[in-house]
N, C-alpha and C. Protein backbone atom coordinates (compact mmCIF):
# COMPACT_ATOMS: atom_id res chain seq x y z
N UNK A 1 -137.01 178.06 169.84
CA UNK A 1 -136.65 179.45 169.87
C UNK A 1 -136.69 179.92 171.31
N UNK A 2 -135.75 180.76 171.68
CA UNK A 2 -135.67 181.28 173.04
C UNK A 2 -135.71 182.80 173.01
N UNK A 3 -136.59 183.37 173.80
CA UNK A 3 -136.68 184.83 173.94
C UNK A 3 -136.26 185.18 175.36
N UNK A 4 -135.51 186.23 175.48
CA UNK A 4 -135.08 186.68 176.79
C UNK A 4 -135.11 188.20 176.81
N UNK A 5 -135.60 188.76 177.91
CA UNK A 5 -135.57 190.20 178.05
C UNK A 5 -135.34 190.57 179.50
N UNK A 6 -134.91 191.79 179.67
CA UNK A 6 -134.64 192.31 181.02
C UNK A 6 -135.95 192.67 181.71
N UNK A 7 -135.86 192.96 182.99
CA UNK A 7 -137.05 193.39 183.72
C UNK A 7 -137.36 194.86 183.43
N UNK A 8 -138.53 195.30 183.82
CA UNK A 8 -138.98 196.66 183.53
C UNK A 8 -138.04 197.72 184.12
N UNK A 9 -137.58 197.51 185.34
CA UNK A 9 -136.69 198.48 185.97
C UNK A 9 -135.40 198.65 185.17
N UNK A 10 -134.87 197.57 184.64
CA UNK A 10 -133.65 197.64 183.83
C UNK A 10 -133.90 198.41 182.55
N UNK A 11 -135.01 198.14 181.88
CA UNK A 11 -135.33 198.88 180.66
C UNK A 11 -135.48 200.37 180.95
N UNK A 12 -136.14 200.70 182.05
CA UNK A 12 -136.31 202.12 182.41
C UNK A 12 -134.96 202.78 182.65
N UNK A 13 -134.03 202.07 183.28
CA UNK A 13 -132.68 202.58 183.50
C UNK A 13 -131.97 202.81 182.17
N UNK A 14 -132.06 201.84 181.27
CA UNK A 14 -131.42 201.97 179.95
C UNK A 14 -132.01 203.14 179.18
N UNK A 15 -133.33 203.30 179.22
CA UNK A 15 -133.97 204.41 178.51
C UNK A 15 -133.51 205.76 179.07
N UNK A 16 -133.45 205.87 180.39
CA UNK A 16 -132.99 207.09 181.03
C UNK A 16 -131.54 207.39 180.65
N UNK A 17 -130.71 206.36 180.63
CA UNK A 17 -129.30 206.52 180.25
C UNK A 17 -129.18 206.99 178.80
N UNK A 18 -130.16 206.63 177.98
CA UNK A 18 -130.16 207.04 176.57
C UNK A 18 -130.85 208.40 176.38
N UNK A 19 -131.08 209.10 177.50
CA UNK A 19 -131.71 210.43 177.50
C UNK A 19 -133.15 210.40 177.01
N UNK A 20 -133.84 209.32 177.33
CA UNK A 20 -135.27 209.21 177.08
C UNK A 20 -135.97 209.23 178.43
N UNK A 21 -137.16 209.79 178.47
CA UNK A 21 -137.93 209.87 179.71
C UNK A 21 -139.09 208.88 179.65
N UNK A 22 -139.05 207.83 180.45
CA UNK A 22 -140.17 206.89 180.47
C UNK A 22 -141.44 207.60 180.96
N UNK A 23 -142.52 207.43 180.24
CA UNK A 23 -143.79 208.06 180.58
C UNK A 23 -144.66 207.09 181.38
N UNK A 24 -144.80 205.87 180.88
CA UNK A 24 -145.56 204.83 181.57
C UNK A 24 -145.07 203.46 181.12
N UNK A 25 -145.43 202.46 181.90
CA UNK A 25 -145.15 201.09 181.49
C UNK A 25 -146.34 200.21 181.83
N UNK A 26 -146.51 199.18 181.06
CA UNK A 26 -147.62 198.23 181.22
C UNK A 26 -147.07 196.81 181.10
N UNK A 27 -147.69 195.89 181.78
CA UNK A 27 -147.39 194.48 181.61
C UNK A 27 -148.39 193.93 180.61
N UNK A 28 -147.89 193.30 179.56
CA UNK A 28 -148.75 192.72 178.53
C UNK A 28 -148.72 191.21 178.71
N UNK A 29 -149.82 190.61 179.21
CA UNK A 29 -149.84 189.16 179.38
C UNK A 29 -149.86 188.46 178.02
N UNK A 30 -149.18 187.34 177.97
CA UNK A 30 -149.11 186.58 176.72
C UNK A 30 -149.02 185.11 177.08
N UNK A 31 -150.15 184.44 177.07
CA UNK A 31 -150.18 183.04 177.48
C UNK A 31 -149.85 182.92 178.96
N UNK A 32 -148.88 182.06 179.28
CA UNK A 32 -148.48 181.84 180.67
C UNK A 32 -147.45 182.86 181.15
N UNK A 33 -147.02 183.76 180.29
CA UNK A 33 -146.04 184.78 180.67
C UNK A 33 -146.46 186.11 180.09
N UNK A 34 -145.52 186.97 179.76
CA UNK A 34 -145.83 188.26 179.19
C UNK A 34 -144.58 189.10 179.05
N UNK A 35 -144.78 190.36 178.74
CA UNK A 35 -143.65 191.27 178.56
C UNK A 35 -144.05 192.69 178.94
N UNK A 36 -143.06 193.54 179.05
CA UNK A 36 -143.28 194.95 179.38
C UNK A 36 -143.39 195.79 178.12
N UNK A 37 -144.25 196.77 178.18
CA UNK A 37 -144.35 197.78 177.13
C UNK A 37 -144.11 199.12 177.80
N UNK A 38 -143.15 199.87 177.30
CA UNK A 38 -142.79 201.15 177.93
C UNK A 38 -142.88 202.26 176.89
N UNK A 39 -143.58 203.32 177.23
CA UNK A 39 -143.65 204.51 176.41
C UNK A 39 -142.63 205.50 176.96
N UNK A 40 -141.74 205.97 176.10
CA UNK A 40 -140.71 206.94 176.52
C UNK A 40 -140.68 208.09 175.54
N UNK A 41 -140.30 209.25 176.04
CA UNK A 41 -140.23 210.46 175.24
C UNK A 41 -138.79 210.96 175.19
N UNK A 42 -138.39 211.46 174.04
CA UNK A 42 -137.05 212.05 173.92
C UNK A 42 -136.98 213.29 174.79
N UNK A 43 -135.90 213.42 175.53
CA UNK A 43 -135.73 214.56 176.44
C UNK A 43 -135.16 215.74 175.70
């Protein structure tokens, strides 16, 4: 199985384009890698 995701800056851009306001983001470590968690609010 292959998982792929964009970087945090790209997600923040997409959220803003969707009229959501990113509030904060965190890096969630997971084994040897990890992923971003972003809290966004509807504008």
